[in-house]
Amino acid sequence: MYGDVHLYLAESAGNGRRDWLHALDVIEGLRPRAVVSGHKRDGDEDSPDDVARTRRYIEDFTAAAEKADGFGDLYEAMVGLYPQRVNRGVLWNSAKAVMA
């Protein structure tokens, strides 16, 4: 689970993102009152809203990757969608790996 941080998706080729979305379905089905994100900004609460935010990011990344002509396009598309998220280096590496 991620908070307001770019997701590490460099190893999400094949079924990786689909499997992650399925795991999020399972977590949502449990109706948690708190979710501890492994990656988040210091001080952010442990909110179950991070499940939906993580899902949306994965879906947006997948859609942007399908449209991108290269990793730079994917990187720029995600920065445009999520300009406030921290750790753009992870996004850069993820875009390079997925578009290789």
N, C-alpha and C. Protein backbone atom coordinates (compact mmCIF):
# COMPACT_ATOMS: atom_id res chain seq x y z
N MET A 1 0.83 -1.17 0.00
CA MET A 1 0.00 0.00 0.00
C MET A 1 0.88 1.24 0.00
N TYR A 2 0.47 2.24 -0.72
CA TYR A 2 1.22 3.49 -0.80
C TYR A 2 0.33 4.65 -0.39
N GLY A 3 0.96 5.63 0.23
CA GLY A 3 0.31 6.89 0.52
C GLY A 3 0.59 7.84 -0.63
N ASP A 4 0.99 9.03 -0.31
CA ASP A 4 1.21 10.08 -1.32
C ASP A 4 2.64 10.00 -1.87
N VAL A 5 3.01 8.80 -2.35
CA VAL A 5 4.34 8.50 -2.86
C VAL A 5 4.16 7.75 -4.18
N HIS A 6 5.04 8.01 -5.16
CA HIS A 6 4.96 7.28 -6.42
C HIS A 6 5.20 5.79 -6.16
N LEU A 7 4.42 4.96 -6.79
CA LEU A 7 4.51 3.51 -6.60
C LEU A 7 5.70 2.92 -7.35
N TYR A 8 6.32 1.92 -6.76
CA TYR A 8 7.37 1.16 -7.40
C TYR A 8 6.71 0.12 -8.29
N LEU A 9 6.72 0.36 -9.59
CA LEU A 9 6.07 -0.54 -10.55
C LEU A 9 7.06 -1.13 -11.55
N ALA A 10 8.35 -1.01 -11.26
CA ALA A 10 9.38 -1.48 -12.18
C ALA A 10 9.30 -2.99 -12.41
N GLU A 11 8.77 -3.72 -11.46
CA GLU A 11 8.68 -5.18 -11.57
C GLU A 11 7.23 -5.63 -11.76
N SER A 12 6.44 -4.79 -12.38
CA SER A 12 5.00 -5.09 -12.49
C SER A 12 4.60 -5.56 -13.89
N ALA A 13 5.57 -5.95 -14.70
CA ALA A 13 5.24 -6.43 -16.05
C ALA A 13 4.42 -7.72 -15.96
N GLY A 14 3.89 -8.12 -17.08
CA GLY A 14 3.06 -9.33 -17.09
C GLY A 14 1.79 -9.11 -16.31
N ASN A 15 1.56 -9.95 -15.32
CA ASN A 15 0.34 -9.87 -14.52
C ASN A 15 0.52 -9.09 -13.23
N GLY A 16 1.67 -8.48 -13.04
CA GLY A 16 1.98 -7.82 -11.77
C GLY A 16 0.96 -6.79 -11.33
N ARG A 17 0.61 -5.88 -12.23
CA ARG A 17 -0.35 -4.83 -11.84
C ARG A 17 -1.74 -5.42 -11.65
N ARG A 18 -2.13 -6.37 -12.49
CA ARG A 18 -3.44 -7.01 -12.34
C ARG A 18 -3.52 -7.75 -11.01
N ASP A 19 -2.46 -8.46 -10.66
CA ASP A 19 -2.44 -9.19 -9.38
C ASP A 19 -2.50 -8.22 -8.20
N TRP A 20 -1.83 -7.08 -8.32
CA TRP A 20 -1.86 -6.08 -7.25
C TRP A 20 -3.28 -5.55 -7.08
N LEU A 21 -3.96 -5.29 -8.20
CA LEU A 21 -5.34 -4.81 -8.12
C LEU A 21 -6.23 -5.86 -7.46
N HIS A 22 -5.99 -7.12 -7.76
CA HIS A 22 -6.77 -8.18 -7.11
C HIS A 22 -6.52 -8.18 -5.60
N ALA A 23 -5.27 -8.00 -5.19
CA ALA A 23 -4.96 -7.93 -3.75
C ALA A 23 -5.68 -6.76 -3.09
N LEU A 24 -5.76 -5.64 -3.81
CA LEU A 24 -6.50 -4.48 -3.27
C LEU A 24 -7.98 -4.81 -3.12
N ASP A 25 -8.54 -5.59 -4.05
CA ASP A 25 -9.93 -6.03 -3.93
C ASP A 25 -10.13 -6.81 -2.62
N VAL A 26 -9.19 -7.70 -2.35
CA VAL A 26 -9.27 -8.51 -1.13
C VAL A 26 -9.23 -7.62 0.11
N ILE A 27 -8.31 -6.68 0.12
CA ILE A 27 -8.19 -5.77 1.27
C ILE A 27 -9.47 -4.96 1.44
N GLU A 28 -9.99 -4.41 0.35
CA GLU A 28 -11.24 -3.63 0.45
C GLU A 28 -12.38 -4.49 0.96
N GLY A 29 -12.40 -5.75 0.55
CA GLY A 29 -13.46 -6.66 1.00
C GLY A 29 -13.45 -6.89 2.50
N LEU A 30 -12.34 -6.68 3.12
CA LEU A 30 -12.23 -6.82 4.57
C LEU A 30 -12.79 -5.61 5.31
N ARG A 31 -13.04 -4.52 4.60
CA ARG A 31 -13.56 -3.28 5.16
C ARG A 31 -12.73 -2.79 6.37
N PRO A 32 -11.43 -2.58 6.14
CA PRO A 32 -10.58 -2.18 7.26
C PRO A 32 -10.89 -0.76 7.75
N ARG A 33 -10.65 -0.55 9.03
CA ARG A 33 -10.79 0.79 9.60
C ARG A 33 -9.49 1.57 9.51
N ALA A 34 -8.39 0.85 9.35
CA ALA A 34 -7.07 1.47 9.18
C ALA A 34 -6.27 0.61 8.22
N VAL A 35 -5.44 1.25 7.43
CA VAL A 35 -4.52 0.56 6.53
C VAL A 35 -3.17 1.24 6.68
N VAL A 36 -2.17 0.47 7.02
CA VAL A 36 -0.82 1.01 7.21
C VAL A 36 -0.08 0.91 5.88
N SER A 37 0.16 2.04 5.27
CA SER A 37 0.89 2.07 4.01
C SER A 37 2.37 1.93 4.29
N GLY A 38 3.01 1.05 3.54
CA GLY A 38 4.44 0.85 3.71
C GLY A 38 5.27 2.01 3.21
N HIS A 39 4.69 2.78 2.33
CA HIS A 39 5.36 3.94 1.75
C HIS A 39 4.39 5.11 1.81
N LYS A 40 4.76 6.13 2.58
CA LYS A 40 3.91 7.29 2.73
C LYS A 40 4.74 8.45 3.24
N ARG A 41 4.15 9.63 3.21
CA ARG A 41 4.82 10.79 3.79
C ARG A 41 4.82 10.67 5.31
N ASP A 42 5.89 11.15 5.92
CA ASP A 42 5.94 11.15 7.38
C ASP A 42 4.74 11.89 7.94
N GLY A 43 4.09 11.29 8.91
CA GLY A 43 2.99 11.93 9.59
C GLY A 43 1.62 11.67 8.98
N ASP A 44 1.56 11.08 7.79
CA ASP A 44 0.25 10.78 7.19
C ASP A 44 -0.45 9.71 8.02
N GLU A 45 -1.76 9.81 8.09
CA GLU A 45 -2.53 8.84 8.85
C GLU A 45 -2.58 7.50 8.12
N ASP A 46 -2.94 6.46 8.82
CA ASP A 46 -3.07 5.13 8.26
C ASP A 46 -4.51 4.92 7.79
N SER A 47 -4.80 5.49 6.65
CA SER A 47 -6.18 5.57 6.17
C SER A 47 -6.52 4.46 5.17
N PRO A 48 -7.72 3.88 5.31
CA PRO A 48 -8.17 2.93 4.31
C PRO A 48 -8.37 3.58 2.93
N ASP A 49 -8.39 4.92 2.89
CA ASP A 49 -8.49 5.62 1.61
C ASP A 49 -7.26 5.35 0.73
N ASP A 50 -6.15 4.94 1.34
CA ASP A 50 -4.96 4.63 0.56
C ASP A 50 -5.17 3.45 -0.38
N VAL A 51 -6.12 2.58 -0.06
CA VAL A 51 -6.42 1.45 -0.95
C VAL A 51 -6.93 1.99 -2.29
N ALA A 52 -7.90 2.88 -2.25
CA ALA A 52 -8.46 3.45 -3.49
C ALA A 52 -7.43 4.31 -4.21
N ARG A 53 -6.62 5.03 -3.47
CA ARG A 53 -5.59 5.87 -4.11
C ARG A 53 -4.53 5.00 -4.79
N THR A 54 -4.17 3.91 -4.16
CA THR A 54 -3.20 2.99 -4.77
C THR A 54 -3.79 2.38 -6.03
N ARG A 55 -5.04 1.96 -5.96
CA ARG A 55 -5.72 1.39 -7.12
C ARG A 55 -5.76 2.38 -8.29
N ARG A 56 -6.16 3.59 -8.00
CA ARG A 56 -6.28 4.61 -9.05
C ARG A 56 -4.92 4.87 -9.71
N TYR A 57 -3.87 4.91 -8.90
CA TYR A 57 -2.53 5.14 -9.45
C TYR A 57 -2.14 4.00 -10.39
N ILE A 58 -2.35 2.77 -9.97
CA ILE A 58 -2.02 1.62 -10.83
C ILE A 58 -2.81 1.67 -12.12
N GLU A 59 -4.09 1.97 -12.03
CA GLU A 59 -4.93 2.05 -13.24
C GLU A 59 -4.46 3.19 -14.14
N ASP A 60 -4.13 4.33 -13.56
CA ASP A 60 -3.64 5.46 -14.36
C ASP A 60 -2.30 5.14 -15.01
N PHE A 61 -1.43 4.49 -14.29
CA PHE A 61 -0.12 4.10 -14.82
C PHE A 61 -0.30 3.15 -16.00
N THR A 62 -1.16 2.17 -15.84
CA THR A 62 -1.40 1.20 -16.91
C THR A 62 -1.96 1.89 -18.15
N ALA A 63 -2.93 2.77 -17.96
CA ALA A 63 -3.52 3.49 -19.10
C ALA A 63 -2.47 4.39 -19.76
N ALA A 64 -1.66 5.08 -18.98
CA ALA A 64 -0.64 5.96 -19.54
C ALA A 64 0.42 5.15 -20.28
N ALA A 65 0.78 3.98 -19.77
CA ALA A 65 1.77 3.12 -20.43
C ALA A 65 1.27 2.65 -21.79
N GLU A 66 -0.02 2.38 -21.88
CA GLU A 66 -0.59 1.93 -23.15
C GLU A 66 -0.55 3.03 -24.21
N LYS A 67 -0.58 4.28 -23.80
CA LYS A 67 -0.59 5.41 -24.73
C LYS A 67 0.80 5.97 -25.00
N ALA A 68 1.75 5.68 -24.13
CA ALA A 68 3.08 6.30 -24.19
C ALA A 68 3.90 5.76 -25.36
N ASP A 69 4.68 6.65 -25.96
CA ASP A 69 5.60 6.26 -27.02
C ASP A 69 6.96 5.85 -26.47
N GLY A 70 7.18 6.10 -25.21
CA GLY A 70 8.44 5.75 -24.57
C GLY A 70 8.36 6.04 -23.10
N PHE A 71 9.44 5.72 -22.38
CA PHE A 71 9.39 5.89 -20.93
C PHE A 71 9.27 7.36 -20.52
N GLY A 72 9.83 8.27 -21.32
CA GLY A 72 9.71 9.69 -21.00
C GLY A 72 8.27 10.16 -21.05
N ASP A 73 7.54 9.67 -22.04
CA ASP A 73 6.11 10.01 -22.13
C ASP A 73 5.34 9.50 -20.92
N LEU A 74 5.64 8.27 -20.53
CA LEU A 74 4.97 7.68 -19.37
C LEU A 74 5.30 8.47 -18.10
N TYR A 75 6.56 8.79 -17.93
CA TYR A 75 6.99 9.56 -16.77
C TYR A 75 6.26 10.91 -16.71
N GLU A 76 6.26 11.63 -17.82
CA GLU A 76 5.62 12.95 -17.86
C GLU A 76 4.12 12.85 -17.63
N ALA A 77 3.49 11.83 -18.18
CA ALA A 77 2.05 11.65 -17.97
C ALA A 77 1.72 11.46 -16.49
N MET A 78 2.53 10.66 -15.81
CA MET A 78 2.26 10.40 -14.40
C MET A 78 2.59 11.60 -13.53
N VAL A 79 3.64 12.34 -13.86
CA VAL A 79 3.93 13.57 -13.12
C VAL A 79 2.79 14.56 -13.31
N GLY A 80 2.23 14.60 -14.52
CA GLY A 80 1.09 15.47 -14.78
C GLY A 80 -0.13 15.10 -13.96
N LEU A 81 -0.35 13.80 -13.78
CA LEU A 81 -1.49 13.34 -13.00
C LEU A 81 -1.26 13.44 -11.50
N TYR A 82 -0.01 13.28 -11.09
CA TYR A 82 0.32 13.23 -9.67
C TYR A 82 1.51 14.15 -9.36
N PRO A 83 1.36 15.44 -9.56
CA PRO A 83 2.50 16.35 -9.40
C PRO A 83 2.98 16.50 -7.96
N GLN A 84 2.14 16.21 -7.00
CA GLN A 84 2.52 16.41 -5.60
C GLN A 84 3.13 15.17 -4.95
N ARG A 85 3.02 14.03 -5.61
CA ARG A 85 3.57 12.81 -5.02
C ARG A 85 5.08 12.90 -4.93
N VAL A 86 5.63 12.32 -3.89
CA VAL A 86 7.07 12.35 -3.69
C VAL A 86 7.74 11.11 -4.28
N ASN A 87 9.05 11.20 -4.43
CA ASN A 87 9.92 10.12 -4.90
C ASN A 87 9.76 9.87 -6.40
N ARG A 88 10.01 10.91 -7.18
CA ARG A 88 9.92 10.78 -8.63
C ARG A 88 10.98 9.85 -9.22
N GLY A 89 12.04 9.61 -8.48
CA GLY A 89 13.05 8.67 -8.96
C GLY A 89 12.48 7.27 -9.14
N VAL A 90 11.60 6.87 -8.24
CA VAL A 90 10.94 5.57 -8.36
C VAL A 90 10.06 5.56 -9.60
N LEU A 91 9.37 6.65 -9.86
CA LEU A 91 8.53 6.74 -11.06
C LEU A 91 9.41 6.63 -12.30
N TRP A 92 10.52 7.34 -12.33
CA TRP A 92 11.43 7.31 -13.47
C TRP A 92 11.89 5.86 -13.75
N ASN A 93 12.32 5.17 -12.71
CA ASN A 93 12.79 3.78 -12.86
C ASN A 93 11.66 2.86 -13.27
N SER A 94 10.49 3.08 -12.74
CA SER A 94 9.33 2.25 -13.10
C SER A 94 8.97 2.44 -14.57
N ALA A 95 8.95 3.68 -15.01
CA ALA A 95 8.62 3.97 -16.41
C ALA A 95 9.65 3.35 -17.35
N LYS A 96 10.91 3.46 -17.01
CA LYS A 96 11.97 2.87 -17.84
C LYS A 96 11.83 1.36 -17.93
N ALA A 97 11.57 0.72 -16.80
CA ALA A 97 11.48 -0.73 -16.77
C ALA A 97 10.26 -1.24 -17.54
N VAL A 98 9.13 -0.58 -17.36
CA VAL A 98 7.89 -1.03 -17.99
C VAL A 98 7.91 -0.80 -19.49
N MET A 99 8.57 0.27 -19.91
CA MET A 99 8.57 0.61 -21.35
C MET A 99 9.77 0.00 -22.10
N ALA A 100 10.60 -0.79 -21.40
CA ALA A 100 11.79 -1.37 -22.04
C ALA A 100 11.42 -2.42 -23.07
